[in-house]
């Protein structure tokens, strides 16, 4: 399962729909086994692949101000506002999430290298 934790908007204002989502990869026991980032296109491809295998979403997201995660579904990407996904538009930005990590004094830094 993937848990979306932050969104990294595209720096080019002409390509705002090409954002990246940072995520935690979680195994069957609930342990974090990886950290990564995927583009919107990669997430949609991953969702379709998982729907074929299991019939359900393997992505969840914590939106700002929410205490519970919610599943990310294919139909979330087919909305009236094509510039913002209903989940990822409400995720903290990468810098906001880093501020949370800094508060926790975790000595873990997430930043884009490309």
Protein backbone atom coordinates (compact mmCIF):
# COMPACT_ATOMS: atom_id res chain seq x y z
CA UNK A 1 0.00 0.00 0.00
CA UNK A 2 1.07 3.57 -0.65
CA UNK A 3 0.29 6.46 1.68
CA UNK A 4 0.53 9.87 0.01
CA UNK A 5 2.18 12.35 2.37
CA UNK A 6 3.06 15.44 0.31
CA UNK A 7 2.65 16.98 -3.11
CA UNK A 8 5.35 18.71 -5.11
CA UNK A 9 3.82 21.10 -7.65
CA UNK A 10 5.49 21.46 -11.02
CA UNK A 11 7.71 24.55 -11.11
CA UNK A 12 6.58 25.35 -14.65
CA UNK A 13 3.21 27.18 -14.37
CA UNK A 14 2.22 25.85 -17.81
CA UNK A 15 2.35 22.25 -16.52
CA UNK A 16 0.60 22.47 -13.15
CA UNK A 17 -1.15 19.16 -13.73
CA UNK A 18 2.23 17.38 -13.82
CA UNK A 19 2.77 17.27 -10.07
CA UNK A 20 4.69 14.68 -8.04
CA UNK A 21 3.30 12.94 -4.98
CA UNK A 22 5.63 11.80 -2.22
CA UNK A 23 4.55 8.64 -0.46
CA UNK A 24 5.39 6.03 2.15
CA UNK A 25 5.30 2.42 1.01
CA UNK A 26 3.73 0.27 3.71
CA UNK A 27 3.83 -3.53 3.92
CA UNK A 28 1.10 -5.93 5.10
CA UNK A 29 2.15 -5.53 8.75
CA UNK A 30 1.86 -1.73 8.66
CA UNK A 31 5.62 -1.11 8.62
CA UNK A 32 7.12 1.59 6.41
CA UNK A 33 9.40 -0.13 3.90
CA UNK A 34 10.13 2.73 1.54
CA UNK A 35 9.80 6.40 0.67
CA UNK A 36 9.45 7.68 -2.86
CA UNK A 37 7.81 10.03 -5.32
CA UNK A 38 5.64 9.34 -8.36
CA UNK A 39 4.21 11.57 -11.04
CA UNK A 40 0.46 11.86 -11.56
CA UNK A 41 0.77 9.61 -14.64
CA UNK A 42 2.68 6.94 -12.69
CA UNK A 43 0.05 6.96 -9.93
CA UNK A 44 -2.81 6.50 -12.41
CA UNK A 45 -0.91 3.64 -14.09
CA UNK A 46 -0.25 2.06 -10.68
CA UNK A 47 -3.91 2.37 -9.70
CA UNK A 48 -5.08 0.68 -12.93
CA UNK A 49 -2.54 -2.11 -12.47
CA UNK A 50 -3.66 -2.73 -8.89
CA UNK A 51 -7.36 -2.63 -9.85
CA UNK A 52 -6.64 -5.42 -12.35
CA UNK A 53 -4.95 -7.51 -9.65
CA UNK A 54 -7.11 -6.90 -6.60
CA UNK A 55 -10.15 -4.87 -7.66
CA UNK A 56 -9.39 -2.01 -5.25
CA UNK A 57 -7.13 0.97 -4.70
CA UNK A 58 -3.70 0.53 -3.15
CA UNK A 59 -3.33 4.29 -2.49
CA UNK A 60 -4.49 6.33 0.49
CA UNK A 61 -4.00 10.01 1.35
CA UNK A 62 -4.18 12.22 4.44
CA UNK A 63 -5.70 15.50 3.40
CA UNK A 64 -4.94 18.71 5.29
CA UNK A 65 -7.02 18.98 8.44
CA UNK A 66 -8.10 15.34 8.33
CA UNK A 67 -7.47 12.77 11.03
CA UNK A 68 -8.14 9.75 8.79
CA UNK A 69 -6.74 8.69 5.47
CA UNK A 70 -9.06 8.12 2.54
CA UNK A 71 -8.60 5.90 -0.51
CA UNK A 72 -7.47 7.45 -3.76
CA UNK A 73 -9.62 6.21 -6.65
CA UNK A 74 -9.37 6.44 -10.44
CA UNK A 75 -12.43 8.71 -10.58
CA UNK A 76 -10.52 11.26 -8.45
CA UNK A 77 -8.50 12.03 -11.58
CA UNK A 78 -11.60 12.64 -13.69
CA UNK A 79 -12.98 15.79 -12.10
CA UNK A 80 -14.41 19.12 -13.16
CA UNK A 81 -11.17 20.88 -12.18
CA UNK A 82 -8.40 19.17 -14.14
CA UNK A 83 -5.70 21.20 -12.36
CA UNK A 84 -6.29 19.69 -8.94
CA UNK A 85 -6.89 16.17 -7.73
CA UNK A 86 -9.43 16.01 -4.90
CA UNK A 87 -6.85 14.35 -2.64
CA UNK A 88 -3.48 15.62 -3.76
CA UNK A 89 -4.64 19.21 -4.03
CA UNK A 90 -5.26 18.98 -0.29
CA UNK A 91 -1.95 17.39 0.68
CA UNK A 92 0.76 19.44 2.33
CA UNK A 93 3.49 20.64 0.02
CA UNK A 94 6.90 19.03 0.31
CA UNK A 95 8.22 22.02 2.27
CA UNK A 96 5.22 21.95 4.64
CA UNK A 97 5.77 18.24 5.27
CA UNK A 98 9.49 18.86 5.85
CA UNK A 99 8.53 21.46 8.49
CA UNK A 100 6.53 18.74 10.28
CA UNK A 101 9.55 16.41 10.16
CA UNK A 102 11.74 19.18 11.52
CA UNK A 103 9.31 19.70 14.40
CA UNK A 104 9.56 15.99 15.19
CA UNK A 105 13.36 16.32 15.17
CA UNK A 106 13.55 13.23 13.01
CA UNK A 107 16.74 14.19 11.15
CA UNK A 108 15.07 12.95 7.98
CA UNK A 109 15.06 15.26 4.97
CA UNK A 110 12.93 14.87 1.86
CA UNK A 111 13.75 16.97 -1.18
CA UNK A 112 13.55 16.67 -4.89
CA UNK A 113 16.84 16.06 -6.68
CA UNK A 114 15.57 16.41 -10.22
